[in-house]
Amino acid sequence: MELNMYFLVAIVIVVLIVIGLANTGISAYNRLVMLKNNVAKSFGNIDIILKQRADEIPDLIKVVKESMHFEESMLTKLTELRTQFLKSNSPEEKVALSNDLQNQIKSIFAVAENYPDLKSNQSLQLLQSRVSQIEDAIADRREFYNESVNMYNIGIAEFPDLIVAKVINYQAKSLLQVSTEEKNYNGIVF
């Protein structure tokens, strides 16, 4: 009789341990799904603005091409990046391409400063203003997106969630970068 009692207690302990482990796994899974969905939601909010910036590129290229001495390789690179961005379906790839697009656009505006005719072009000034407004909107939403990505990346690295993350193949995501100009606060408006 006493042996049956120990056996019953052992079974109850094993069942409680299994239930505890299952509960921990389910909680970790639900938390990771919530974090991943927050990243997707915040990317959806910024993706619209990133596309608006990409949509300004044909106008920018048209205006800049009017200057006969402008560097053709920069325009080609910008066109290639825009095409890749518009064809991309992956948020991770769009983030990387968006970072590259931002750097390329800034480079074109910086090089345009060396061309007085282009620099004084009314269309270029209007484009610079529109791109600047779009960049401001991106900056506002980038903070929320990067916070969501940061929380997700932390979530998939914490124990015991990292075990569940590896099982369901959740990978770290990239942040939208802050440009060098934004870090320097040098007062130049693009």
Protein backbone atom coordinates (compact mmCIF):
# COMPACT_ATOMS: atom_id res chain seq x y z
CA MET A 1 0.00 0.00 0.00
CA GLU A 2 2.78 2.41 0.85
CA LEU A 3 4.54 1.55 -2.44
CA ASN A 4 1.37 2.45 -4.39
CA MET A 5 1.23 5.77 -2.56
CA TYR A 6 4.85 6.61 -3.56
CA PHE A 7 4.13 5.54 -7.11
CA LEU A 8 1.04 7.77 -7.23
CA VAL A 9 2.96 10.73 -5.79
CA ALA A 10 5.75 10.18 -8.37
CA ILE A 11 3.21 10.12 -11.20
CA VAL A 12 1.58 13.32 -9.93
CA ILE A 13 5.00 15.02 -9.72
CA VAL A 14 5.91 13.91 -13.25
CA VAL A 15 2.54 15.11 -14.57
CA LEU A 16 2.99 18.49 -12.84
CA ILE A 17 6.49 18.84 -14.31
CA VAL A 18 5.21 18.00 -17.80
CA ILE A 19 2.34 20.47 -17.41
CA GLY A 20 4.78 23.15 -16.17
CA LEU A 21 7.12 22.58 -19.11
CA ALA A 22 4.24 22.61 -21.57
CA ASN A 23 2.91 25.83 -20.05
CA THR A 24 6.37 27.45 -20.29
CA GLY A 25 6.70 26.36 -23.93
CA ILE A 26 3.22 27.61 -24.85
CA SER A 27 3.83 30.95 -23.09
CA ALA A 28 7.17 31.36 -24.86
CA TYR A 29 5.62 30.52 -28.22
CA ASN A 30 2.74 32.97 -27.71
CA ARG A 31 5.13 35.73 -26.64
CA LEU A 32 7.35 35.18 -29.69
CA VAL A 33 4.36 35.20 -32.04
CA MET A 34 3.20 38.48 -30.48
CA LEU A 35 6.68 40.01 -30.91
CA LYS A 36 6.89 38.84 -34.53
CA ASN A 37 3.44 40.26 -35.29
CA ASN A 38 4.42 43.60 -33.71
CA VAL A 39 7.42 43.74 -36.06
CA ALA A 40 5.18 42.95 -39.04
CA LYS A 41 2.67 45.62 -38.00
CA SER A 42 5.33 48.28 -37.49
CA PHE A 43 6.92 47.36 -40.83
CA GLY A 44 3.54 47.69 -42.52
CA ASN A 45 3.30 51.21 -41.10
CA ILE A 46 6.69 52.22 -42.46
CA ASP A 47 6.58 50.26 -45.74
CA ILE A 48 4.11 52.72 -47.24
CA ILE A 49 6.45 55.63 -46.65
CA LEU A 50 9.47 53.69 -47.89
CA LYS A 51 7.56 53.05 -51.12
CA GLN A 52 6.72 56.76 -51.39
CA ARG A 53 10.43 57.53 -51.19
CA ALA A 54 11.14 54.91 -53.85
CA ASP A 55 8.43 56.49 -56.03
CA GLU A 56 10.29 59.85 -55.94
CA ILE A 57 13.37 58.29 -57.55
CA PRO A 58 12.22 58.46 -61.22
CA ASP A 59 11.55 62.20 -60.82
CA LEU A 60 14.91 62.66 -59.14
CA ILE A 61 16.70 60.83 -61.94
CA LYS A 62 14.86 62.84 -64.58
CA VAL A 63 15.84 66.15 -62.97
CA VAL A 64 19.43 65.13 -62.35
CA LYS A 65 19.95 63.72 -65.87
CA GLU A 66 19.34 67.20 -67.23
CA SER A 67 22.78 68.10 -65.93
CA MET A 68 25.13 66.82 -68.62
CA HIS A 69 28.09 66.25 -66.33
CA PHE A 70 26.36 64.32 -63.60
CA GLU A 71 27.72 60.94 -62.62
CA GLU A 72 25.74 58.29 -64.53
CA SER A 73 26.89 55.44 -62.27
CA MET A 74 25.11 56.95 -59.27
CA LEU A 75 21.86 57.18 -61.19
CA THR A 76 22.20 53.61 -62.45
CA LYS A 77 22.82 52.35 -58.91
CA LEU A 78 19.81 54.30 -57.64
CA THR A 79 17.58 52.84 -60.38
CA GLU A 80 18.79 49.31 -59.61
CA LEU A 81 18.14 49.73 -55.88
CA ARG A 82 14.63 51.09 -56.53
CA THR A 83 13.80 48.17 -58.84
CA GLN A 84 15.05 45.66 -56.29
CA PHE A 85 13.08 47.41 -53.54
CA LEU A 86 9.83 47.38 -55.51
CA LYS A 87 10.26 43.70 -56.44
CA SER A 88 11.11 42.62 -52.90
CA ASN A 89 8.48 40.89 -50.79
CA SER A 90 10.66 40.24 -47.76
CA PRO A 91 10.62 42.86 -44.99
CA GLU A 92 14.25 42.04 -44.17
CA GLU A 93 15.32 42.61 -47.77
CA LYS A 94 13.24 45.79 -47.99
CA VAL A 95 14.91 47.14 -44.85
CA ALA A 96 18.39 46.47 -46.28
CA LEU A 97 17.47 47.98 -49.64
CA SER A 98 15.83 50.96 -47.97
CA ASN A 99 19.02 51.64 -46.03
CA ASP A 100 20.97 51.47 -49.32
CA LEU A 101 18.43 53.71 -51.10
CA GLN A 102 18.66 56.30 -48.35
CA ASN A 103 22.45 56.40 -48.60
CA GLN A 104 22.35 56.64 -52.41
CA ILE A 105 19.78 59.47 -52.40
CA LYS A 106 21.85 61.41 -49.86
CA SER A 107 24.95 60.87 -52.03
CA ILE A 108 23.18 62.21 -55.11
CA PHE A 109 22.00 65.32 -53.28
CA ALA A 110 25.50 65.83 -51.89
CA VAL A 111 27.12 65.50 -55.32
CA ALA A 112 24.46 67.82 -56.79
CA GLU A 113 25.89 70.55 -54.56
CA ASN A 114 28.95 70.55 -56.86
CA TYR A 115 26.81 71.46 -59.89
CA PRO A 116 25.59 75.07 -59.61
CA ASP A 117 23.04 74.71 -62.42
CA LEU A 118 21.60 71.59 -60.88
CA LYS A 119 21.77 72.99 -57.35
CA SER A 120 19.67 76.00 -58.38
CA ASN A 121 17.18 73.89 -60.35
CA GLN A 122 13.67 74.51 -58.99
CA SER A 123 12.58 70.92 -59.65
CA LEU A 124 15.54 69.54 -57.69
CA GLN A 125 14.80 71.87 -54.80
CA LEU A 126 11.17 70.71 -54.79
CA LEU A 127 12.29 67.08 -54.85
CA GLN A 128 14.73 67.71 -52.01
CA SER A 129 11.90 69.21 -50.00
CA ARG A 130 9.57 66.25 -50.70
CA VAL A 131 12.28 63.71 -49.92
CA SER A 132 13.07 65.61 -46.73
CA GLN A 133 9.41 65.44 -45.67
CA ILE A 134 9.32 61.72 -46.45
CA GLU A 135 12.56 61.21 -44.50
CA ASP A 136 10.98 62.97 -41.51
CA ALA A 137 7.99 60.62 -41.68
CA ILE A 138 10.34 57.63 -41.99
CA ALA A 139 12.30 58.84 -38.96
CA ASP A 140 9.09 59.01 -36.92
CA ARG A 141 8.02 55.49 -37.83
CA ARG A 142 11.55 54.07 -37.83
CA GLU A 143 11.73 54.55 -34.06
CA PHE A 144 8.63 52.38 -33.53
CA TYR A 145 9.82 49.79 -36.06
CA ASN A 146 13.30 49.57 -34.56
CA GLU A 147 11.86 49.25 -31.06
CA SER A 148 9.64 46.38 -32.24
CA VAL A 149 12.61 44.69 -33.93
CA ASN A 150 14.76 45.20 -30.84
CA MET A 151 12.14 43.63 -28.56
CA TYR A 152 11.75 40.72 -31.01
CA ASN A 153 15.52 40.18 -31.25
CA ILE A 154 15.80 40.21 -27.45
CA GLY A 155 12.83 37.86 -27.19
CA ILE A 156 14.37 35.22 -29.45
CA ALA A 157 17.65 35.43 -27.53
CA GLU A 158 16.27 35.07 -23.99
CA PHE A 159 16.12 31.75 -22.21
CA PRO A 160 13.86 29.71 -22.41
CA ASP A 161 12.29 31.52 -25.39
CA LEU A 162 15.41 30.95 -27.47
CA ILE A 163 14.70 27.21 -27.45
CA VAL A 164 11.23 27.77 -28.86
CA ALA A 165 12.60 30.37 -31.32
CA LYS A 166 15.13 27.86 -32.66
CA VAL A 167 12.47 25.17 -32.98
CA ILE A 168 10.15 27.44 -34.99
CA ASN A 169 13.13 28.95 -36.87
CA TYR A 170 12.70 32.60 -35.84
CA GLN A 171 15.73 34.62 -36.96
CA ALA A 172 17.02 38.02 -35.86
CA LYS A 173 15.76 40.95 -37.93
CA SER A 174 17.62 44.03 -39.19
CA LEU A 175 17.03 47.55 -37.95
CA LEU A 176 16.36 50.51 -40.20
CA GLN A 177 19.60 52.45 -39.98
CA VAL A 178 20.08 56.02 -38.92
CA SER A 179 22.10 57.82 -41.59
CA THR A 180 25.46 59.40 -40.87
CA GLU A 181 23.94 62.81 -41.47
CA GLU A 182 21.30 62.20 -38.81
CA LYS A 183 23.98 61.06 -36.37
CA ASN A 184 26.16 64.13 -37.03
CA TYR A 185 23.36 66.70 -36.73
CA ASN A 186 25.30 68.87 -39.15
CA GLY A 187 22.34 71.00 -40.15
CA ILE A 188 22.31 70.10 -43.84
CA VAL A 189 18.79 69.56 -45.12
CA PHE A 190 18.43 67.11 -48.01
